[in-house]
Amino acid sequence: LAVFFLVAQHLLQLPGLRRLPAGFLALPAPVRGV
């Protein structure tokens, strides 16, 4: 899981995937809190 998160963090910097963090931040606060 740690390796997955490390690789995912770097993949999120690719141009096609940069919008995913903004989508996560648009989720309701309780969902992000969980």
All heavy atoms as atom14 arrays in JSON, in Angstrom:
{
  "sequence": "LAVFFLVAQHLLQLPGLRRLPAGFLALPAPVRGV",
  "atom14_mask": [
    [1, 1, 1, 1, 1, 1, 1, 1, 0, 0, 0, 0, 0, 0],
    [1, 1, 1, 1, 1, 0, 0, 0, 0, 0, 0, 0, 0, 0],
    [1, 1, 1, 1, 1, 1, 1, 0, 0, 0, 0, 0, 0, 0],
    [1, 1, 1, 1, 1, 1, 1, 1, 1, 1, 1, 0, 0, 0],
    [1, 1, 1, 1, 1, 1, 1, 1, 1, 1, 1, 0, 0, 0],
    [1, 1, 1, 1, 1, 1, 1, 1, 0, 0, 0, 0, 0, 0],
    [1, 1, 1, 1, 1, 1, 1, 0, 0, 0, 0, 0, 0, 0],
    [1, 1, 1, 1, 1, 0, 0, 0, 0, 0, 0, 0, 0, 0],
    [1, 1, 1, 1, 1, 1, 1, 1, 1, 0, 0, 0, 0, 0],
    [1, 1, 1, 1, 1, 1, 1, 1, 1, 1, 0, 0, 0, 0],
    [1, 1, 1, 1, 1, 1, 1, 1, 0, 0, 0, 0, 0, 0],
    [1, 1, 1, 1, 1, 1, 1, 1, 0, 0, 0, 0, 0, 0],
    [1, 1, 1, 1, 1, 1, 1, 1, 1, 0, 0, 0, 0, 0],
    [1, 1, 1, 1, 1, 1, 1, 1, 0, 0, 0, 0, 0, 0],
    [1, 1, 1, 1, 1, 1, 1, 0, 0, 0, 0, 0, 0, 0],
    [1, 1, 1, 1, 0, 0, 0, 0, 0, 0, 0, 0, 0, 0],
    [1, 1, 1, 1, 1, 1, 1, 1, 0, 0, 0, 0, 0, 0],
    [1, 1, 1, 1, 1, 1, 1, 1, 1, 1, 1, 0, 0, 0],
    [1, 1, 1, 1, 1, 1, 1, 1, 1, 1, 1, 0, 0, 0],
    [1, 1, 1, 1, 1, 1, 1, 1, 0, 0, 0, 0, 0, 0],
    [1, 1, 1, 1, 1, 1, 1, 0, 0, 0, 0, 0, 0, 0],
    [1, 1, 1, 1, 1, 0, 0, 0, 0, 0, 0, 0, 0, 0],
    [1, 1, 1, 1, 0, 0, 0, 0, 0, 0, 0, 0, 0, 0],
    [1, 1, 1, 1, 1, 1, 1, 1, 1, 1, 1, 0, 0, 0],
    [1, 1, 1, 1, 1, 1, 1, 1, 0, 0, 0, 0, 0, 0],
    [1, 1, 1, 1, 1, 0, 0, 0, 0, 0, 0, 0, 0, 0],
    [1, 1, 1, 1, 1, 1, 1, 1, 0, 0, 0, 0, 0, 0],
    [1, 1, 1, 1, 1, 1, 1, 0, 0, 0, 0, 0, 0, 0],
    [1, 1, 1, 1, 1, 0, 0, 0, 0, 0, 0, 0, 0, 0],
    [1, 1, 1, 1, 1, 1, 1, 0, 0, 0, 0, 0, 0, 0],
    [1, 1, 1, 1, 1, 1, 1, 0, 0, 0, 0, 0, 0, 0],
    [1, 1, 1, 1, 1, 1, 1, 1, 1, 1, 1, 0, 0, 0],
    [1, 1, 1, 1, 0, 0, 0, 0, 0, 0, 0, 0, 0, 0],
    [1, 1, 1, 1, 1, 1, 1, 0, 0, 0, 0, 0, 0, 0]
  ],
  "atom14_positions": [
    [[0.83, -1.21, 0.0], [0.0, 0.0, 0.0], [0.86, 1.25, 0.0], [0.56, 2.23, -0.69], [-0.95, -0.01, 1.2], [-2.1, 0.99, 1.17], [-2.92, 0.82, -0.09], [-2.96, 0.8, 2.4], [0.0, 0.0, 0.0], [0.0, 0.0, 0.0], [0.0, 0.0, 0.0], [0.0, 0.0, 0.0], [0.0, 0.0, 0.0], [0.0, 0.0, 0.0]],
    [[1.95, 1.23, 0.75], [2.86, 2.38, 0.76], [3.47, 2.6, -0.62], [3.57, 3.74, -1.1], [3.95, 2.17, 1.8], [0.0, 0.0, 0.0], [0.0, 0.0, 0.0], [0.0, 0.0, 0.0], [0.0, 0.0, 0.0], [0.0, 0.0, 0.0], [0.0, 0.0, 0.0], [0.0, 0.0, 0.0], [0.0, 0.0, 0.0], [0.0, 0.0, 0.0]],
    [[3.87, 1.51, -1.28], [4.42, 1.63, -2.64], [3.35, 2.17, -3.58], [3.61, 3.03, -4.43], [4.96, 0.27, -3.12], [5.28, 0.3, -4.61], [6.19, -0.12, -2.32], [0.0, 0.0, 0.0], [0.0, 0.0, 0.0], [0.0, 0.0, 0.0], [0.0, 0.0, 0.0], [0.0, 0.0, 0.0], [0.0, 0.0, 0.0], [0.0, 0.0, 0.0]],
    [[2.11, 1.69, -3.42], [1.01, 2.18, -4.25], [0.84, 3.68, -4.07], [0.71, 4.43, -5.06], [-0.29, 1.46, -3.89], [-1.51, 2.1, -4.48], [-1.81, 1.92, -5.82], [-2.33, 2.91, -3.71], [-2.93, 2.54, -6.38], [-3.44, 3.52, -4.25], [-3.74, 3.33, -5.59], [0.0, 0.0, 0.0], [0.0, 0.0, 0.0], [0.0, 0.0, 0.0]],
    [[0.83, 4.18, -2.83], [0.66, 5.62, -2.59], [1.83, 6.42, -3.16], [1.64, 7.49, -3.7], [0.5, 5.91, -1.09], [-0.88, 5.68, -0.58], [-1.11, 4.79, 0.44], [-1.96, 6.35, -1.13], [-2.39, 4.57, 0.91], [-3.24, 6.13, -0.67], [-3.47, 5.23, 0.36], [0.0, 0.0, 0.0], [0.0, 0.0, 0.0], [0.0, 0.0, 0.0]],
    [[3.03, 5.89, -3.05], [4.2, 6.58, -3.59], [4.1, 6.71, -5.11], [4.31, 7.78, -5.67], [5.48, 5.84, -3.2], [6.77, 6.44, -3.72], [7.03, 7.79, -3.07], [7.93, 5.51, -3.46], [0.0, 0.0, 0.0], [0.0, 0.0, 0.0], [0.0, 0.0, 0.0], [0.0, 0.0, 0.0], [0.0, 0.0, 0.0], [0.0, 0.0, 0.0]],
    [[3.78, 5.61, -5.77], [3.65, 5.64, -7.23], [2.47, 6.52, -7.64], [2.57, 7.3, -8.59], [3.51, 4.2, -7.78], [3.14, 4.21, -9.25], [4.79, 3.43, -7.55], [0.0, 0.0, 0.0], [0.0, 0.0, 0.0], [0.0, 0.0, 0.0], [0.0, 0.0, 0.0], [0.0, 0.0, 0.0], [0.0, 0.0, 0.0], [0.0, 0.0, 0.0]],
    [[1.35, 6.42, -6.92], [0.17, 7.24, -7.25], [0.49, 8.72, -7.13], [0.05, 9.52, -7.97], [-0.99, 6.86, -6.34], [0.0, 0.0, 0.0], [0.0, 0.0, 0.0], [0.0, 0.0, 0.0], [0.0, 0.0, 0.0], [0.0, 0.0, 0.0], [0.0, 0.0, 0.0], [0.0, 0.0, 0.0], [0.0, 0.0, 0.0], [0.0, 0.0, 0.0]],
    [[1.25, 9.1, -6.11], [1.61, 10.52, -5.94], [2.36, 11.03, -7.16], [2.12, 12.14, -7.63], [2.46, 10.69, -4.67], [3.11, 12.04, -4.54], [2.11, 13.18, -4.43], [1.01, 13.0, -3.97], [2.51, 14.36, -4.84], [0.0, 0.0, 0.0], [0.0, 0.0, 0.0], [0.0, 0.0, 0.0], [0.0, 0.0, 0.0], [0.0, 0.0, 0.0]],
    [[3.26, 10.23, -7.69], [4.02, 10.65, -8.87], [3.17, 10.61, -10.14], [3.31, 11.47, -11.01], [5.28, 9.8, -9.03], [6.31, 10.12, -8.01], [7.13, 11.21, -8.11], [6.64, 9.52, -6.85], [7.92, 11.27, -7.06], [7.65, 10.25, -6.28], [0.0, 0.0, 0.0], [0.0, 0.0, 0.0], [0.0, 0.0, 0.0], [0.0, 0.0, 0.0]],
    [[2.27, 9.64, -10.24], [1.41, 9.57, -11.41], [0.43, 10.75, -11.46], [0.05, 11.2, -12.53], [0.64, 8.25, -11.43], [1.47, 7.0, -11.72], [0.59, 5.76, -11.64], [2.13, 7.1, -13.08], [0.0, 0.0, 0.0], [0.0, 0.0, 0.0], [0.0, 0.0, 0.0], [0.0, 0.0, 0.0], [0.0, 0.0, 0.0], [0.0, 0.0, 0.0]],
    [[0.03, 11.25, -10.3], [-0.89, 12.38, -10.26], [-0.27, 13.66, -10.81], [-0.97, 14.64, -11.03], [-1.39, 12.62, -8.83], [-2.38, 11.58, -8.33], [-2.7, 11.82, -6.86], [-3.65, 11.59, -9.16], [0.0, 0.0, 0.0], [0.0, 0.0, 0.0], [0.0, 0.0, 0.0], [0.0, 0.0, 0.0], [0.0, 0.0, 0.0], [0.0, 0.0, 0.0]],
    [[1.01, 13.66, -11.05], [1.67, 14.82, -11.64], [1.6, 14.81, -13.16], [1.98, 15.78, -13.81], [3.13, 14.91, -11.18], [3.29, 14.94, -9.68], [2.49, 16.06, -9.03], [2.49, 17.18, -9.48], [1.79, 15.71, -7.97], [0.0, 0.0, 0.0], [0.0, 0.0, 0.0], [0.0, 0.0, 0.0], [0.0, 0.0, 0.0], [0.0, 0.0, 0.0]],
    [[1.15, 13.7, -13.74], [1.02, 13.62, -15.2], [-0.13, 14.51, -15.67], [-1.14, 14.65, -14.97], [0.79, 12.17, -15.63], [1.93, 11.21, -15.34], [1.54, 9.79, -15.71], [3.18, 11.63, -16.1], [0.0, 0.0, 0.0], [0.0, 0.0, 0.0], [0.0, 0.0, 0.0], [0.0, 0.0, 0.0], [0.0, 0.0, 0.0], [0.0, 0.0, 0.0]],
    [[0.0, 15.09, -16.85], [-1.01, 16.04, -17.32], [-2.44, 15.51, -17.32], [-3.35, 16.22, -16.92], [-0.55, 16.36, -18.75], [0.9, 16.08, -18.76], [1.11, 14.96, -17.79], [0.0, 0.0, 0.0], [0.0, 0.0, 0.0], [0.0, 0.0, 0.0], [0.0, 0.0, 0.0], [0.0, 0.0, 0.0], [0.0, 0.0, 0.0], [0.0, 0.0, 0.0]],
    [[-2.65, 14.26, -17.71], [-4.01, 13.73, -17.77], [-4.63, 13.44, -16.41], [-5.84, 13.27, -16.31], [0.0, 0.0, 0.0], [0.0, 0.0, 0.0], [0.0, 0.0, 0.0], [0.0, 0.0, 0.0], [0.0, 0.0, 0.0], [0.0, 0.0, 0.0], [0.0, 0.0, 0.0], [0.0, 0.0, 0.0], [0.0, 0.0, 0.0], [0.0, 0.0, 0.0]],
    [[-3.82, 13.37, -15.37], [-4.33, 12.99, -14.05], [-4.31, 14.14, -13.04], [-4.68, 13.95, -11.89], [-3.51, 11.82, -13.49], [-3.54, 10.54, -14.33], [-2.59, 9.51, -13.75], [-4.94, 9.98, -14.43], [0.0, 0.0, 0.0], [0.0, 0.0, 0.0], [0.0, 0.0, 0.0], [0.0, 0.0, 0.0], [0.0, 0.0, 0.0], [0.0, 0.0, 0.0]],
    [[-3.92, 15.31, -13.46], [-3.8, 16.43, -12.52], [-5.13, 16.91, -11.97], [-5.19, 17.58, -10.95], [-3.07, 17.6, -13.19], [-1.61, 17.34, -13.32], [-0.86, 18.58, -13.71], [0.55, 18.25, -13.84], [1.4, 18.9, -14.58], [0.99, 19.94, -15.27], [2.65, 18.54, -14.64], [0.0, 0.0, 0.0], [0.0, 0.0, 0.0], [0.0, 0.0, 0.0]],
    [[-6.23, 16.58, -12.62], [-7.53, 17.04, -12.15], [-8.09, 16.19, -11.0], [-9.03, 16.57, -10.33], [-8.52, 17.1, -13.31], [-8.89, 15.76, -13.87], [-9.89, 15.9, -15.01], [-10.31, 14.61, -15.47], [-9.67, 13.89, -16.38], [-8.56, 14.35, -16.91], [-10.12, 12.71, -16.75], [0.0, 0.0, 0.0], [0.0, 0.0, 0.0], [0.0, 0.0, 0.0]],
    [[-7.5, 15.01, -10.76], [-8.0, 14.13, -9.7], [-7.92, 14.74, -8.3], [-8.87, 14.64, -7.53], [-7.3, 12.78, -9.76], [-7.69, 11.88, -10.93], [-6.87, 10.61, -10.91], [-9.16, 11.56, -10.91], [0.0, 0.0, 0.0], [0.0, 0.0, 0.0], [0.0, 0.0, 0.0], [0.0, 0.0, 0.0], [0.0, 0.0, 0.0], [0.0, 0.0, 0.0]],
    [[-6.79, 15.37, -7.92], [-6.76, 15.98, -6.59], [-7.84, 17.05, -6.4], [-8.43, 17.17, -5.33], [-5.36, 16.59, -6.5], [-4.54, 15.78, -7.44], [-5.47, 15.42, -8.56], [0.0, 0.0, 0.0], [0.0, 0.0, 0.0], [0.0, 0.0, 0.0], [0.0, 0.0, 0.0], [0.0, 0.0, 0.0], [0.0, 0.0, 0.0], [0.0, 0.0, 0.0]],
    [[-8.12, 17.82, -7.46], [-9.18, 18.84, -7.36], [-10.53, 18.17, -7.14], [-11.37, 18.67, -6.39], [-9.19, 19.72, -8.61], [0.0, 0.0, 0.0], [0.0, 0.0, 0.0], [0.0, 0.0, 0.0], [0.0, 0.0, 0.0], [0.0, 0.0, 0.0], [0.0, 0.0, 0.0], [0.0, 0.0, 0.0], [0.0, 0.0, 0.0], [0.0, 0.0, 0.0]],
    [[-10.74, 17.02, -7.78], [-11.98, 16.27, -7.58], [-12.1, 15.77, -6.15], [-13.19, 15.79, -5.57], [0.0, 0.0, 0.0], [0.0, 0.0, 0.0], [0.0, 0.0, 0.0], [0.0, 0.0, 0.0], [0.0, 0.0, 0.0], [0.0, 0.0, 0.0], [0.0, 0.0, 0.0], [0.0, 0.0, 0.0], [0.0, 0.0, 0.0], [0.0, 0.0, 0.0]],
    [[-10.98, 15.34, -5.58], [-11.0, 14.89, -4.19], [-11.32, 16.05, -3.25], [-12.12, 15.91, -2.32], [-9.66, 14.26, -3.8], [-9.57, 13.88, -2.35], [-10.23, 12.77, -1.88], [-8.84, 14.65, -1.46], [-10.16, 12.42, -0.54], [-8.76, 14.31, -0.13], [-9.43, 13.19, 0.34], [0.0, 0.0, 0.0], [0.0, 0.0, 0.0], [0.0, 0.0, 0.0]],
    [[-10.72, 17.2, -3.52], [-10.97, 18.37, -2.67], [-12.39, 18.89, -2.81], [-12.89, 19.6, -1.93], [-9.96, 19.47, -2.98], [-8.52, 19.14, -2.61], [-7.58, 20.25, -3.08], [-8.38, 18.91, -1.12], [0.0, 0.0, 0.0], [0.0, 0.0, 0.0], [0.0, 0.0, 0.0], [0.0, 0.0, 0.0], [0.0, 0.0, 0.0], [0.0, 0.0, 0.0]],
    [[-13.07, 18.53, -3.9], [-14.47, 18.95, -4.09], [-15.44, 18.06, -3.32], [-16.62, 18.41, -3.19], [-14.81, 18.95, -5.58], [0.0, 0.0, 0.0], [0.0, 0.0, 0.0], [0.0, 0.0, 0.0], [0.0, 0.0, 0.0], [0.0, 0.0, 0.0], [0.0, 0.0, 0.0], [0.0, 0.0, 0.0], [0.0, 0.0, 0.0], [0.0, 0.0, 0.0]],
    [[-14.97, 16.93, -2.8], [-15.83, 16.04, -2.02], [-16.26, 16.72, -0.72], [-15.56, 17.61, -0.22], [-15.09, 14.74, -1.7], [-14.79, 13.81, -2.87], [-13.91, 12.65, -2.41], [-16.08, 13.28, -3.48], [0.0, 0.0, 0.0], [0.0, 0.0, 0.0], [0.0, 0.0, 0.0], [0.0, 0.0, 0.0], [0.0, 0.0, 0.0], [0.0, 0.0, 0.0]],
    [[-17.38, 16.3, -0.14], [-17.8, 16.88, 1.14], [-16.73, 16.66, 2.23], [-16.02, 15.65, 2.22], [-19.09, 16.12, 1.47], [-19.55, 15.53, 0.18], [-18.34, 15.33, -0.66], [0.0, 0.0, 0.0], [0.0, 0.0, 0.0], [0.0, 0.0, 0.0], [0.0, 0.0, 0.0], [0.0, 0.0, 0.0], [0.0, 0.0, 0.0], [0.0, 0.0, 0.0]],
    [[-16.65, 17.59, 3.14], [-15.65, 17.55, 4.2], [-15.68, 16.24, 5.0], [-14.62, 15.7, 5.31], [-15.79, 18.75, 5.12], [0.0, 0.0, 0.0], [0.0, 0.0, 0.0], [0.0, 0.0, 0.0], [0.0, 0.0, 0.0], [0.0, 0.0, 0.0], [0.0, 0.0, 0.0], [0.0, 0.0, 0.0], [0.0, 0.0, 0.0], [0.0, 0.0, 0.0]],
    [[-16.85, 15.68, 5.36], [-16.85, 14.42, 6.12], [-16.21, 13.26, 5.34], [-15.52, 12.43, 5.91], [-18.33, 14.14, 6.39], [-18.99, 15.47, 6.31], [-18.22, 16.24, 5.29], [0.0, 0.0, 0.0], [0.0, 0.0, 0.0], [0.0, 0.0, 0.0], [0.0, 0.0, 0.0], [0.0, 0.0, 0.0], [0.0, 0.0, 0.0], [0.0, 0.0, 0.0]],
    [[-16.41, 13.22, 4.04], [-15.83, 12.15, 3.22], [-14.31, 12.3, 3.2], [-13.57, 11.33, 3.37], [-16.41, 12.17, 1.79], [-15.71, 11.16, 0.9], [-17.91, 11.9, 1.83], [0.0, 0.0, 0.0], [0.0, 0.0, 0.0], [0.0, 0.0, 0.0], [0.0, 0.0, 0.0], [0.0, 0.0, 0.0], [0.0, 0.0, 0.0], [0.0, 0.0, 0.0]],
    [[-13.83, 13.52, 3.0], [-12.39, 13.76, 3.03], [-11.82, 13.45, 4.4], [-10.72, 12.9, 4.52], [-12.08, 15.22, 2.65], [-12.3, 15.53, 1.2], [-11.74, 16.89, 0.84], [-11.92, 17.86, 1.89], [-12.7, 18.93, 1.84], [-13.36, 19.21, 0.75], [-12.8, 19.75, 2.86], [0.0, 0.0, 0.0], [0.0, 0.0, 0.0], [0.0, 0.0, 0.0]],
    [[-12.55, 13.79, 5.46], [-12.09, 13.51, 6.82], [-11.92, 12.02, 7.07], [-10.93, 11.59, 7.68], [0.0, 0.0, 0.0], [0.0, 0.0, 0.0], [0.0, 0.0, 0.0], [0.0, 0.0, 0.0], [0.0, 0.0, 0.0], [0.0, 0.0, 0.0], [0.0, 0.0, 0.0], [0.0, 0.0, 0.0], [0.0, 0.0, 0.0], [0.0, 0.0, 0.0]],
    [[-12.84, 11.21, 6.57], [-12.72, 9.76, 6.71], [-11.49, 9.27, 5.94], [-10.72, 8.44, 6.44], [-14.01, 9.05, 6.22], [-13.79, 7.55, 6.07], [-15.16, 9.34, 7.16], [0.0, 0.0, 0.0], [0.0, 0.0, 0.0], [0.0, 0.0, 0.0], [0.0, 0.0, 0.0], [0.0, 0.0, 0.0], [0.0, 0.0, 0.0], [0.0, 0.0, 0.0]]
  ]
}
